[in-house]
Amino acid sequence: MFDNQHTVYAIFFTITRNVTVEVGKLGSFLFPIGNYIYVGSAKRNIQSRIQRHLQIEKRKRWHIDYIRPYGEITHVQTYSSELSECERAQQLLQQYKGKWLVKKFGSSDCHCFSHLIYYK
């Protein structure tokens, strides 16, 4: 299903109604109707990580777990390590002419503003 040589992934999803969600320690945020891309990485067994993210009912461990119940996943893309998770998030932000909505969403372990991209 996914290339296990890949280490970076992007989960594309759509939220069809405005929703306010408490995202762990980050706080409460409004997620407006629109399209989103969540960029993550897994150094090993990327398939298991992605399969976990696709599930709705689970213990909340990553930021995406908090908004997953409100989003309809449209597709998942994996990438080689040619670009890091951070570089891929920047590249997708520009490619989709997106914007960051929530500071540190998915990027609490790096210096990026966010790894969650919003686009219309």
PDB file of N, CA and C in Angstrom:
ATOM      1  N   MET A   1       0.821  -1.196   0.000  1.00  0.00           N
ATOM      2  CA  MET A   1       0.000   0.000   0.000  1.00  0.00           C
ATOM      3  C   MET A   1       0.867   1.262   0.000  1.00  0.00           C
ATOM      4  N   PHE A   2       1.784   1.381   0.970  1.00  0.00           N
ATOM      5  CA  PHE A   2       2.681   2.529   1.032  1.00  0.00           C
ATOM      6  C   PHE A   2       4.105   2.023   0.880  1.00  0.00           C
ATOM      7  N   ASP A   3       4.966   2.851   0.363  1.00  0.00           N
ATOM      8  CA  ASP A   3       6.365   2.505   0.185  1.00  0.00           C
ATOM      9  C   ASP A   3       7.076   2.620   1.535  1.00  0.00           C
ATOM     10  N   ASN A   4       7.522   1.499   2.073  1.00  0.00           N
ATOM     11  CA  ASN A   4       8.167   1.519   3.388  1.00  0.00           C
ATOM     12  C   ASN A   4       9.559   2.144   3.361  1.00  0.00           C
ATOM     13  N   GLN A   5      10.066   2.490   2.171  1.00  0.00           N
ATOM     14  CA  GLN A   5      11.315   3.237   2.072  1.00  0.00           C
ATOM     15  C   GLN A   5      11.057   4.725   2.328  1.00  0.00           C
ATOM     16  N   HIS A   6       9.803   5.117   2.227  1.00  0.00           N
ATOM     17  CA  HIS A   6       9.437   6.518   2.454  1.00  0.00           C
ATOM     18  C   HIS A   6       9.381   6.810   3.948  1.00  0.00           C
ATOM     19  N   THR A   7       9.679   8.048   4.317  1.00  0.00           N
ATOM     20  CA  THR A   7       9.682   8.413   5.734  1.00  0.00           C
ATOM     21  C   THR A   7       8.776   9.603   6.038  1.00  0.00           C
ATOM     22  N   VAL A   8       8.296  10.295   5.011  1.00  0.00           N
ATOM     23  CA  VAL A   8       7.450  11.468   5.197  1.00  0.00           C
ATOM     24  C   VAL A   8       6.101  11.191   4.554  1.00  0.00           C
ATOM     25  N   TYR A   9       5.040  11.667   5.193  1.00  0.00           N
ATOM     26  CA  TYR A   9       3.699  11.470   4.636  1.00  0.00           C
ATOM     27  C   TYR A   9       2.889  12.748   4.758  1.00  0.00           C
ATOM     28  N   ALA A  10       1.881  12.830   3.903  1.00  0.00           N
ATOM     29  CA  ALA A  10       0.923  13.939   3.952  1.00  0.00           C
ATOM     30  C   ALA A  10      -0.467  13.336   3.900  1.00  0.00           C
ATOM     31  N   ILE A  11      -1.290  13.711   4.866  1.00  0.00           N
ATOM     32  CA  ILE A  11      -2.677  13.258   4.907  1.00  0.00           C
ATOM     33  C   ILE A  11      -3.544  14.436   4.480  1.00  0.00           C
ATOM     34  N   PHE A  12      -4.260  14.254   3.391  1.00  0.00           N
ATOM     35  CA  PHE A  12      -5.136  15.283   2.846  1.00  0.00           C
ATOM     36  C   PHE A  12      -6.556  14.992   3.327  1.00  0.00           C
ATOM     37  N   PHE A  13      -7.219  15.998   3.882  1.00  0.00           N
ATOM     38  CA  PHE A  13      -8.584  15.785   4.359  1.00  0.00           C
ATOM     39  C   PHE A  13      -9.398  17.068   4.250  1.00  0.00           C
ATOM     40  N   THR A  14     -10.708  16.889   4.318  1.00  0.00           N
ATOM     41  CA  THR A  14     -11.640  18.006   4.205  1.00  0.00           C
ATOM     42  C   THR A  14     -12.504  18.062   5.447  1.00  0.00           C
ATOM     43  N   ILE A  15     -12.704  19.265   5.953  1.00  0.00           N
ATOM     44  CA  ILE A  15     -13.642  19.495   7.053  1.00  0.00           C
ATOM     45  C   ILE A  15     -14.843  20.213   6.443  1.00  0.00           C
ATOM     46  N   THR A  16     -16.032  19.651   6.623  1.00  0.00           N
ATOM     47  CA  THR A  16     -17.226  20.148   5.928  1.00  0.00           C
ATOM     48  C   THR A  16     -18.108  21.075   6.759  1.00  0.00           C
ATOM     49  N   ARG A  17     -17.711  21.312   8.014  1.00  0.00           N
ATOM     50  CA  ARG A  17     -18.436  22.301   8.821  1.00  0.00           C
ATOM     51  C   ARG A  17     -17.438  22.940   9.773  1.00  0.00           C
ATOM     52  N   ASN A  18     -17.658  24.212  10.084  1.00  0.00           N
ATOM     53  CA  ASN A  18     -16.776  24.881  11.047  1.00  0.00           C
ATOM     54  C   ASN A  18     -16.843  24.139  12.371  1.00  0.00           C
ATOM     55  N   VAL A  19     -15.700  23.872  12.949  1.00  0.00           N
ATOM     56  CA  VAL A  19     -15.675  23.130  14.202  1.00  0.00           C
ATOM     57  C   VAL A  19     -14.578  23.702  15.101  1.00  0.00           C
ATOM     58  N   THR A  20     -14.897  23.848  16.384  1.00  0.00           N
ATOM     59  CA  THR A  20     -13.914  24.278  17.370  1.00  0.00           C
ATOM     60  C   THR A  20     -13.492  23.042  18.153  1.00  0.00           C
ATOM     61  N   VAL A  21     -12.185  22.829  18.223  1.00  0.00           N
ATOM     62  CA  VAL A  21     -11.644  21.616  18.835  1.00  0.00           C
ATOM     63  C   VAL A  21     -10.545  21.990  19.815  1.00  0.00           C
ATOM     64  N   GLU A  22     -10.566  21.332  20.963  1.00  0.00           N
ATOM     65  CA  GLU A  22      -9.500  21.449  21.950  1.00  0.00           C
ATOM     66  C   GLU A  22      -8.391  20.492  21.504  1.00  0.00           C
ATOM     67  N   VAL A  23      -7.224  21.024  21.171  1.00  0.00           N
ATOM     68  CA  VAL A  23      -6.115  20.224  20.647  1.00  0.00           C
ATOM     69  C   VAL A  23      -5.052  20.081  21.735  1.00  0.00           C
ATOM     70  N   GLY A  24      -5.250  19.095  22.594  1.00  0.00           N
ATOM     71  CA  GLY A  24      -4.282  18.827  23.649  1.00  0.00           C
ATOM     72  C   GLY A  24      -3.874  20.076  24.400  1.00  0.00           C
ATOM     73  N   LYS A  25      -2.565  20.233  24.593  1.00  0.00           N
ATOM     74  CA  LYS A  25      -2.030  21.375  25.340  1.00  0.00           C
ATOM     75  C   LYS A  25      -1.936  22.640  24.490  1.00  0.00           C
ATOM     76  N   LEU A  26      -2.181  22.519  23.177  1.00  0.00           N
ATOM     77  CA  LEU A  26      -2.105  23.697  22.304  1.00  0.00           C
ATOM     78  C   LEU A  26      -3.239  24.682  22.576  1.00  0.00           C
ATOM     79  N   GLY A  27      -4.403  24.140  22.966  1.00  0.00           N
ATOM     80  CA  GLY A  27      -5.549  24.999  23.225  1.00  0.00           C
ATOM     81  C   GLY A  27      -6.715  24.686  22.302  1.00  0.00           C
ATOM     82  N   SER A  28      -7.697  25.587  22.305  1.00  0.00           N
ATOM     83  CA  SER A  28      -8.924  25.411  21.534  1.00  0.00           C
ATOM     84  C   SER A  28      -8.850  26.286  20.270  1.00  0.00           C
ATOM     85  N   PHE A  29      -9.202  25.695  19.132  1.00  0.00           N
ATOM     86  CA  PHE A  29      -9.085  26.398  17.858  1.00  0.00           C
ATOM     87  C   PHE A  29     -10.290  26.148  16.971  1.00  0.00           C
ATOM     88  N   LEU A  30     -10.613  27.155  16.169  1.00  0.00           N
ATOM     89  CA  LEU A  30     -11.649  27.015  15.150  1.00  0.00           C
ATOM     90  C   LEU A  30     -10.993  26.480  13.886  1.00  0.00           C
ATOM     91  N   PHE A  31     -11.523  25.382  13.387  1.00  0.00           N
ATOM     92  CA  PHE A  31     -11.087  24.820  12.116  1.00  0.00           C
ATOM     93  C   PHE A  31     -12.213  25.073  11.123  1.00  0.00           C
ATOM     94  N   PRO A  32     -12.008  26.029  10.196  1.00  0.00           N
ATOM     95  CA  PRO A  32     -13.071  26.370   9.260  1.00  0.00           C
ATOM     96  C   PRO A  32     -13.238  25.312   8.169  1.00  0.00           C
ATOM     97  N   ILE A  33     -14.399  25.349   7.540  1.00  0.00           N
ATOM     98  CA  ILE A  33     -14.666  24.490   6.387  1.00  0.00           C
ATOM     99  C   ILE A  33     -13.523  24.672   5.393  1.00  0.00           C
ATOM    100  N   GLY A  34     -13.039  23.577   4.861  1.00  0.00           N
ATOM    101  CA  GLY A  34     -11.987  23.668   3.852  1.00  0.00           C
ATOM    102  C   GLY A  34     -11.150  22.417   3.800  1.00  0.00           C
ATOM    103  N   ASN A  35     -10.058  22.527   3.076  1.00  0.00           N
ATOM    104  CA  ASN A  35      -9.145  21.408   2.861  1.00  0.00           C
ATOM    105  C   ASN A  35      -7.893  21.591   3.714  1.00  0.00           C
ATOM    106  N   TYR A  36      -7.364  20.479   4.158  1.00  0.00           N
ATOM    107  CA  TYR A  36      -6.213  20.476   5.051  1.00  0.00           C
ATOM    108  C   TYR A  36      -5.205  19.431   4.599  1.00  0.00           C
ATOM    109  N   ILE A  37      -3.961  19.701   4.927  1.00  0.00           N
ATOM    110  CA  ILE A  37      -2.888  18.720   4.740  1.00  0.00           C
ATOM    111  C   ILE A  37      -2.118  18.653   6.052  1.00  0.00           C
ATOM    112  N   TYR A  38      -1.999  17.456   6.579  1.00  0.00           N
ATOM    113  CA  TYR A  38      -1.182  17.233   7.775  1.00  0.00           C
ATOM    114  C   TYR A  38       0.081  16.510   7.329  1.00  0.00           C
ATOM    115  N   VAL A  39       1.236  17.066   7.639  1.00  0.00           N
ATOM    116  CA  VAL A  39       2.511  16.479   7.234  1.00  0.00           C
ATOM    117  C   VAL A  39       3.182  15.873   8.459  1.00  0.00           C
ATOM    118  N   GLY A  40       3.587  14.614   8.314  1.00  0.00           N
ATOM    119  CA  GLY A  40       4.249  13.922   9.408  1.00  0.00           C
ATOM    120  C   GLY A  40       5.371  13.052   8.886  1.00  0.00           C
ATOM    121  N   SER A  41       6.021  12.363   9.806  1.00  0.00           N
ATOM    122  CA  SER A  41       7.091  11.457   9.402  1.00  0.00           C
ATOM    123  C   SER A  41       7.145  10.261  10.344  1.00  0.00           C
ATOM    124  N   ALA A  42       7.714   9.191   9.824  1.00  0.00           N
ATOM    125  CA  ALA A  42       7.917   7.976  10.613  1.00  0.00           C
ATOM    126  C   ALA A  42       9.216   7.357  10.111  1.00  0.00           C
ATOM    127  N   LYS A  43      10.183   7.248  10.977  1.00  0.00           N
ATOM    128  CA  LYS A  43      11.481   6.710  10.560  1.00  0.00           C
ATOM    129  C   LYS A  43      11.391   5.227  10.212  1.00  0.00           C
ATOM    130  N   ARG A  44      10.447   4.539  10.820  1.00  0.00           N
ATOM    131  CA  ARG A  44      10.233   3.126  10.475  1.00  0.00           C
ATOM    132  C   ARG A  44       8.737   2.827  10.523  1.00  0.00           C
ATOM    133  N   ASN A  45       8.345   1.893   9.707  1.00  0.00           N
ATOM    134  CA  ASN A  45       6.963   1.414   9.623  1.00  0.00           C
ATOM    135  C   ASN A  45       5.953   2.547   9.409  1.00  0.00           C
ATOM    136  N   ILE A  46       6.155   3.292   8.352  1.00  0.00           N
ATOM    137  CA  ILE A  46       5.280   4.406   7.999  1.00  0.00           C
ATOM    138  C   ILE A  46       3.837   3.939   7.800  1.00  0.00           C
ATOM    139  N   GLN A  47       3.677   2.707   7.294  1.00  0.00           N
ATOM    140  CA  GLN A  47       2.331   2.182   7.039  1.00  0.00           C
ATOM    141  C   GLN A  47       1.522   2.098   8.335  1.00  0.00           C
ATOM    142  N   SER A  48       2.129   1.637   9.408  1.00  0.00           N
ATOM    143  CA  SER A  48       1.429   1.543  10.698  1.00  0.00           C
ATOM    144  C   SER A  48       1.040   2.916  11.217  1.00  0.00           C
ATOM    145  N   ARG A  49       1.954   3.892  11.060  1.00  0.00           N
ATOM    146  CA  ARG A  49       1.665   5.251  11.528  1.00  0.00           C
ATOM    147  C   ARG A  49       0.466   5.818  10.765  1.00  0.00           C
ATOM    148  N   ILE A  50       0.478   5.671   9.462  1.00  0.00           N
ATOM    149  CA  ILE A  50      -0.617   6.200   8.651  1.00  0.00           C
ATOM    150  C   ILE A  50      -1.922   5.494   8.989  1.00  0.00           C
ATOM    151  N   GLN A  51      -1.884   4.175   9.110  1.00  0.00           N
ATOM    152  CA  GLN A  51      -3.100   3.427   9.448  1.00  0.00           C
ATOM    153  C   GLN A  51      -3.672   3.908  10.786  1.00  0.00           C
ATOM    154  N   ARG A  52      -2.811   4.214  11.728  1.00  0.00           N
ATOM    155  CA  ARG A  52      -3.281   4.725  13.017  1.00  0.00           C
ATOM    156  C   ARG A  52      -3.969   6.066  12.831  1.00  0.00           C
ATOM    157  N   HIS A  53      -3.356   6.950  12.031  1.00  0.00           N
ATOM    158  CA  HIS A  53      -3.953   8.267  11.792  1.00  0.00           C
ATOM    159  C   HIS A  53      -5.314   8.155  11.103  1.00  0.00           C
ATOM    160  N   LEU A  54      -5.508   7.138  10.293  1.00  0.00           N
ATOM    161  CA  LEU A  54      -6.776   6.982   9.580  1.00  0.00           C
ATOM    162  C   LEU A  54      -7.916   6.581  10.519  1.00  0.00           C
ATOM    163  N   GLN A  55      -7.582   5.922  11.618  1.00  0.00           N
ATOM    164  CA  GLN A  55      -8.602   5.504  12.584  1.00  0.00           C
ATOM    165  C   GLN A  55      -9.194   6.720  13.293  1.00  0.00           C
ATOM    166  N   ILE A  56     -10.482   6.622  13.600  1.00  0.00           N
ATOM    167  CA  ILE A  56     -11.140   7.718  14.317  1.00  0.00           C
ATOM    168  C   ILE A  56     -11.088   7.483  15.823  1.00  0.00           C
ATOM    169  N   GLU A  57     -11.429   6.277  16.244  1.00  0.00           N
ATOM    170  CA  GLU A  57     -11.452   5.945  17.670  1.00  0.00           C
ATOM    171  C   GLU A  57     -10.079   5.465  18.109  1.00  0.00           C
ATOM    172  N   LYS A  58      -9.415   6.255  18.945  1.00  0.00           N
ATOM    173  CA  LYS A  58      -8.092   5.895  19.451  1.00  0.00           C
ATOM    174  C   LYS A  58      -7.708   6.845  20.570  1.00  0.00           C
ATOM    175  N   ARG A  59      -6.697   6.459  21.326  1.00  0.00           N
ATOM    176  CA  ARG A  59      -6.138   7.339  22.341  1.00  0.00           C
ATOM    177  C   ARG A  59      -5.466   8.503  21.619  1.00  0.00           C
ATOM    178  N   LYS A  60      -5.661   9.700  22.098  1.00  0.00           N
ATOM    179  CA  LYS A  60      -5.098  10.882  21.447  1.00  0.00           C
ATOM    180  C   LYS A  60      -3.629  11.039  21.819  1.00  0.00           C
ATOM    181  N   ARG A  61      -2.788  10.898  20.806  1.00  0.00           N
ATOM    182  CA  ARG A  61      -1.340  10.956  21.015  1.00  0.00           C
ATOM    183  C   ARG A  61      -0.706  12.072  20.185  1.00  0.00           C
ATOM    184  N   TRP A  62      -1.188  12.249  18.952  1.00  0.00           N
ATOM    185  CA  TRP A  62      -0.677  13.294  18.070  1.00  0.00           C
ATOM    186  C   TRP A  62      -1.751  14.355  17.876  1.00  0.00           C
ATOM    187  N   HIS A  63      -1.343  15.551  17.497  1.00  0.00           N
ATOM    188  CA  HIS A  63      -2.300  16.643  17.304  1.00  0.00           C
ATOM    189  C   HIS A  63      -3.399  16.278  16.311  1.00  0.00           C
ATOM    190  N   ILE A  64      -3.059  15.565  15.261  1.00  0.00           N
ATOM    191  CA  ILE A  64      -4.068  15.201  14.259  1.00  0.00           C
ATOM    192  C   ILE A  64      -5.172  14.324  14.865  1.00  0.00           C
ATOM    193  N   ASP A  65      -4.868  13.597  15.922  1.00  0.00           N
ATOM    194  CA  ASP A  65      -5.873  12.732  16.555  1.00  0.00           C
ATOM    195  C   ASP A  65      -7.076  13.540  17.046  1.00  0.00           C
ATOM    196  N   TYR A  66      -6.870  14.790  17.399  1.00  0.00           N
ATOM    197  CA  TYR A  66      -7.939  15.624  17.943  1.00  0.00           C
ATOM    198  C   TYR A  66      -8.916  16.097  16.861  1.00  0.00           C
ATOM    199  N   ILE A  67      -8.421  16.306  15.646  1.00  0.00           N
ATOM    200  CA  ILE A  67      -9.319  16.794  14.593  1.00  0.00           C
ATOM    201  C   ILE A  67      -9.738  15.693  13.620  1.00  0.00           C
ATOM    202  N   ARG A  68      -9.117  14.536  13.724  1.00  0.00           N
ATOM    203  CA  ARG A  68      -9.435  13.427  12.812  1.00  0.00           C
ATOM    204  C   ARG A  68     -10.935  13.115  12.752  1.00  0.00           C
ATOM    205  N   PRO A  69     -11.671  13.101  13.867  1.00  0.00           N
ATOM    206  CA  PRO A  69     -13.097  12.767  13.789  1.00  0.00           C
ATOM    207  C   PRO A  69     -13.914  13.749  12.949  1.00  0.00           C
ATOM    208  N   TYR A  70     -13.386  14.940  12.697  1.00  0.00           N
ATOM    209  CA  TYR A  70     -14.140  15.966  11.975  1.00  0.00           C
ATOM    210  C   TYR A  70     -13.760  16.050  10.501  1.00  0.00           C
ATOM    211  N   GLY A  71     -12.756  15.294  10.097  1.00  0.00           N
ATOM    212  CA  GLY A  71     -12.263  15.381   8.730  1.00  0.00           C
ATOM    213  C   GLY A  71     -12.506  14.122   7.928  1.00  0.00           C
ATOM    214  N   GLU A  72     -12.821  14.313   6.658  1.00  0.00           N
ATOM    215  CA  GLU A  72     -12.978  13.210   5.703  1.00  0.00           C
ATOM    216  C   GLU A  72     -11.674  13.123   4.910  1.00  0.00           C
ATOM    217  N   ILE A  73     -10.953  12.024   5.080  1.00  0.00           N
ATOM    218  CA  ILE A  73      -9.674  11.879   4.395  1.00  0.00           C
ATOM    219  C   ILE A  73      -9.918  11.660   2.908  1.00  0.00           C
ATOM    220  N   THR A  74      -9.231  12.459   2.086  1.00  0.00           N
ATOM    221  CA  THR A  74      -9.379  12.346   0.633  1.00  0.00           C
ATOM    222  C   THR A  74      -8.264  11.512   0.035  1.00  0.00           C
ATOM    223  N   HIS A  75      -7.052  11.648   0.542  1.00  0.00           N
ATOM    224  CA  HIS A  75      -5.959  10.769   0.133  1.00  0.00           C
ATOM    225  C   HIS A  75      -4.732  10.963   1.009  1.00  0.00           C
ATOM    226  N   VAL A  76      -3.825  10.019   0.874  1.00  0.00           N
ATOM    227  CA  VAL A  76      -2.573  10.033   1.622  1.00  0.00           C
ATOM    228  C   VAL A  76      -1.442   9.884   0.615  1.00  0.00           C
ATOM    229  N   GLN A  77      -0.407  10.671   0.792  1.00  0.00           N
ATOM    230  CA  GLN A  77       0.767  10.603  -0.081  1.00  0.00           C
ATOM    231  C   GLN A  77       1.998  10.389   0.782  1.00  0.00           C
ATOM    232  N   THR A  78       2.878   9.478   0.349  1.00  0.00           N
ATOM    233  CA  THR A  78       4.147   9.298   1.055  1.00  0.00           C
ATOM    234  C   THR A  78       5.279   9.816   0.181  1.00  0.00           C
ATOM    235  N   TYR A  79       6.383  10.145   0.840  1.00  0.00           N
ATOM    236  CA  TYR A  79       7.522  10.742   0.149  1.00  0.00           C
ATOM    237  C   TYR A  79       8.819  10.145   0.678  1.00  0.00           C
ATOM    238  N   SER A  80       9.829  10.133  -0.183  1.00  0.00           N
ATOM    239  CA  SER A  80      11.166   9.719   0.248  1.00  0.00           C
ATOM    240  C   SER A  80      11.709  10.793   1.185  1.00  0.00           C
ATOM    241  N   SER A  81      12.877  10.538   1.726  1.00  0.00           N
ATOM    242  CA  SER A  81      13.477  11.501   2.653  1.00  0.00           C
ATOM    243  C   SER A  81      14.269  12.579   1.918  1.00  0.00           C
ATOM    244  N   GLU A  82      14.044  12.712   0.616  1.00  0.00           N
ATOM    245  CA  GLU A  82      14.706  13.756  -0.177  1.00  0.00           C
ATOM    246  C   GLU A  82      14.497  15.123   0.469  1.00  0.00           C
ATOM    247  N   LEU A  83      13.249  15.382   0.918  1.00  0.00           N
ATOM    248  CA  LEU A  83      12.945  16.573   1.710  1.00  0.00           C
ATOM    249  C   LEU A  83      12.552  16.103   3.102  1.00  0.00           C
ATOM    250  N   SER A  84      12.973  16.841   4.118  1.00  0.00           N
ATOM    251  CA  SER A  84      12.580  16.504   5.486  1.00  0.00           C
ATOM    252  C   SER A  84      11.080  16.782   5.667  1.00  0.00           C
ATOM    253  N   GLU A  85      10.547  16.343   6.778  1.00  0.00           N
ATOM    254  CA  GLU A  85       9.144  16.632   7.113  1.00  0.00           C
ATOM    255  C   GLU A  85       8.891  18.143   7.064  1.00  0.00           C
ATOM    256  N   CYS A  86       9.804  18.908   7.627  1.00  0.00           N
ATOM    257  CA  CYS A  86       9.665  20.372   7.669  1.00  0.00           C
ATOM    258  C   CYS A  86       9.726  20.978   6.271  1.00  0.00           C
ATOM    259  N   GLU A  87      10.686  20.520   5.472  1.00  0.00           N
ATOM    260  CA  GLU A  87      10.816  21.027   4.103  1.00  0.00           C
ATOM    261  C   GLU A  87       9.604  20.652   3.259  1.00  0.00           C
ATOM    262  N   ARG A  88       9.082  19.443   3.468  1.00  0.00           N
ATOM    263  CA  ARG A  88       7.901  18.996   2.710  1.00  0.00           C
ATOM    264  C   ARG A  88       6.687  19.842   3.095  1.00  0.00           C
ATOM    265  N   ALA A  89       6.539  20.161   4.375  1.00  0.00           N
ATOM    266  CA  ALA A  89       5.415  21.005   4.804  1.00  0.00           C
ATOM    267  C   ALA A  89       5.499  22.363   4.111  1.00  0.00           C
ATOM    268  N   GLN A  90       6.691  22.935   4.046  1.00  0.00           N
ATOM    269  CA  GLN A  90       6.881  24.225   3.370  1.00  0.00           C
ATOM    270  C   GLN A  90       6.553  24.115   1.883  1.00  0.00           C
ATOM    271  N   GLN A  91       7.021  23.045   1.265  1.00  0.00           N
ATOM    272  CA  GLN A  91       6.798  22.828  -0.168  1.00  0.00           C
ATOM    273  C   GLN A  91       5.303  22.692  -0.470  1.00  0.00           C
ATOM    274  N   LEU A  92       4.582  21.921   0.354  1.00  0.00           N
ATOM    275  CA  LEU A  92       3.143  21.735   0.137  1.00  0.00           C
ATOM    276  C   LEU A  92       2.372  23.028   0.421  1.00  0.00           C
ATOM    277  N   LEU A  93       2.800  23.788   1.415  1.00  0.00           N
ATOM    278  CA  LEU A  93       2.184  25.078   1.716  1.00  0.00           C
ATOM    279  C   LEU A  93       2.220  25.971   0.472  1.00  0.00           C
ATOM    280  N   GLN A  94       3.373  26.040  -0.166  1.00  0.00           N
ATOM    281  CA  GLN A  94       3.518  26.870  -1.363  1.00  0.00           C
ATOM    282  C   GLN A  94       2.755  26.285  -2.550  1.00  0.00           C
ATOM    283  N   GLN A  95       2.864  24.971  -2.722  1.00  0.00           N
ATOM    284  CA  GLN A  95       2.207  24.312  -3.859  1.00  0.00           C
ATOM    285  C   GLN A  95       0.696  24.518  -3.838  1.00  0.00           C
ATOM    286  N   TYR A  96       0.083  24.415  -2.661  1.00  0.00           N
ATOM    287  CA  TYR A  96      -1.373  24.531  -2.529  1.00  0.00           C
ATOM    288  C   TYR A  96      -1.822  25.944  -2.156  1.00  0.00           C
ATOM    289  N   LYS A  97      -0.865  26.870  -2.099  1.00  0.00           N
ATOM    290  CA  LYS A  97      -1.164  28.260  -1.722  1.00  0.00           C
ATOM    291  C   LYS A  97      -1.956  28.302  -0.419  1.00  0.00           C
ATOM    292  N   GLY A  98      -1.466  27.522   0.527  1.00  0.00           N
ATOM    293  CA  GLY A  98      -2.153  27.378   1.801  1.00  0.00           C
ATOM    294  C   GLY A  98      -1.697  28.380   2.835  1.00  0.00           C
ATOM    295  N   LYS A  99      -2.192  28.161   4.043  1.00  0.00           N
ATOM    296  CA  LYS A  99      -1.762  28.987   5.172  1.00  0.00           C
ATOM    297  C   LYS A  99      -1.774  28.148   6.438  1.00  0.00           C
ATOM    298  N   TRP A 100      -1.011  28.627   7.402  1.00  0.00           N
ATOM    299  CA  TRP A 100      -0.963  27.977   8.720  1.00  0.00           C
ATOM    300  C   TRP A 100      -2.096  28.555   9.557  1.00  0.00           C
ATOM    301  N   LEU A 101      -2.821  27.721  10.267  1.00  0.00           N
ATOM    302  CA  LEU A 101      -3.884  28.200  11.152  1.00  0.00           C
ATOM    303  C   LEU A 101      -3.522  28.057  12.624  1.00  0.00           C
ATOM    304  N   VAL A 102      -2.831  26.986  12.972  1.00  0.00           N
ATOM    305  CA  VAL A 102      -2.567  26.675  14.383  1.00  0.00           C
ATOM    306  C   VAL A 102      -1.064  26.542  14.605  1.00  0.00           C
ATOM    307  N   LYS A 103      -0.522  27.464  15.369  1.00  0.00           N
ATOM    308  CA  LYS A 103       0.913  27.445  15.669  1.00  0.00           C
ATOM    309  C   LYS A 103       1.276  26.169  16.425  1.00  0.00           C
ATOM    310  N   LYS A 104       2.344  25.517  15.968  1.00  0.00           N
ATOM    311  CA  LYS A 104       2.932  24.316  16.566  1.00  0.00           C
ATOM    312  C   LYS A 104       2.104  23.051  16.354  1.00  0.00           C
ATOM    313  N   PHE A 105       1.056  23.097  15.519  1.00  0.00           N
ATOM    314  CA  PHE A 105       0.270  21.896  15.235  1.00  0.00           C
ATOM    315  C   PHE A 105       1.150  20.923  14.456  1.00  0.00           C
ATOM    316  N   GLY A 106       1.461  19.795  15.069  1.00  0.00           N
ATOM    317  CA  GLY A 106       2.286  18.775  14.437  1.00  0.00           C
ATOM    318  C   GLY A 106       3.754  19.133  14.358  1.00  0.00           C
ATOM    319  N   SER A 107       4.126  20.257  14.943  1.00  0.00           N
ATOM    320  CA  SER A 107       5.520  20.702  14.839  1.00  0.00           C
ATOM    321  C   SER A 107       6.084  21.110  16.198  1.00  0.00           C
ATOM    322  N   SER A 108       5.641  20.449  17.244  1.00  0.00           N
ATOM    323  CA  SER A 108       6.112  20.824  18.581  1.00  0.00           C
ATOM    324  C   SER A 108       7.559  20.405  18.816  1.00  0.00           C
ATOM    325  N   ASP A 109       8.103  19.550  17.942  1.00  0.00           N
ATOM    326  CA  ASP A 109       9.483  19.096  18.124  1.00  0.00           C
ATOM    327  C   ASP A 109      10.449  19.716  17.110  1.00  0.00           C
ATOM    328  N   CYS A 110      10.021  20.811  16.459  1.00  0.00           N
ATOM    329  CA  CYS A 110      10.902  21.494  15.512  1.00  0.00           C
ATOM    330  C   CYS A 110      10.627  22.999  15.586  1.00  0.00           C
ATOM    331  N   HIS A 111      11.235  23.764  14.698  1.00  0.00           N
ATOM    332  CA  HIS A 111      11.096  25.217  14.733  1.00  0.00           C
ATOM    333  C   HIS A 111      10.047  25.742  13.748  1.00  0.00           C
ATOM    334  N   CYS A 112       9.352  24.848  13.070  1.00  0.00           N
ATOM    335  CA  CYS A 112       8.340  25.267  12.091  1.00  0.00           C
ATOM    336  C   CYS A 112       7.154  25.921  12.786  1.00  0.00           C
ATOM    337  N   PHE A 113       6.462  26.788  12.056  1.00  0.00           N
ATOM    338  CA  PHE A 113       5.245  27.386  12.599  1.00  0.00           C
ATOM    339  C   PHE A 113       4.198  26.302  12.811  1.00  0.00           C
ATOM    340  N   SER A 114       4.040  25.411  11.817  1.00  0.00           N
ATOM    341  CA  SER A 114       3.031  24.361  11.879  1.00  0.00           C
ATOM    342  C   SER A 114       3.323  23.306  10.823  1.00  0.00           C
ATOM    343  N   HIS A 115       2.716  22.136  10.977  1.00  0.00           N
ATOM    344  CA  HIS A 115       2.737  21.113   9.929  1.00  0.00           C
ATOM    345  C   HIS A 115       1.314  20.805   9.472  1.00  0.00           C
ATOM    346  N   LEU A 116       0.386  21.701   9.785  1.00  0.00           N
ATOM    347  CA  LEU A 116      -0.994  21.573   9.322  1.00  0.00           C
ATOM    348  C   LEU A 116      -1.263  22.741   8.381  1.00  0.00           C
ATOM    349  N   ILE A 117      -1.592  22.409   7.145  1.00  0.00           N
ATOM    350  CA  ILE A 117      -1.822  23.406   6.102  1.00  0.00           C
ATOM    351  C   ILE A 117      -3.319  23.484   5.820  1.00  0.00           C
ATOM    352  N   TYR A 118      -3.820  24.685   5.714  1.00  0.00           N
ATOM    353  CA  TYR A 118      -5.219  24.923   5.354  1.00  0.00           C
ATOM    354  C   TYR A 118      -5.236  25.567   3.981  1.00  0.00           C
ATOM    355  N   TYR A 119      -6.112  25.066   3.114  1.00  0.00           N
ATOM    356  CA  TYR A 119      -6.300  25.708   1.812  1.00  0.00           C
ATOM    357  C   TYR A 119      -7.748  25.556   1.358  1.00  0.00           C
ATOM    358  N   LYS A 120      -8.210  26.513   0.565  1.00  0.00           N
ATOM    359  CA  LYS A 120      -9.603  26.505   0.096  1.00  0.00           C
ATOM    360  C   LYS A 120      -9.780  25.525  -1.040  1.00  0.00           C
TER     361      LYS A 120
END
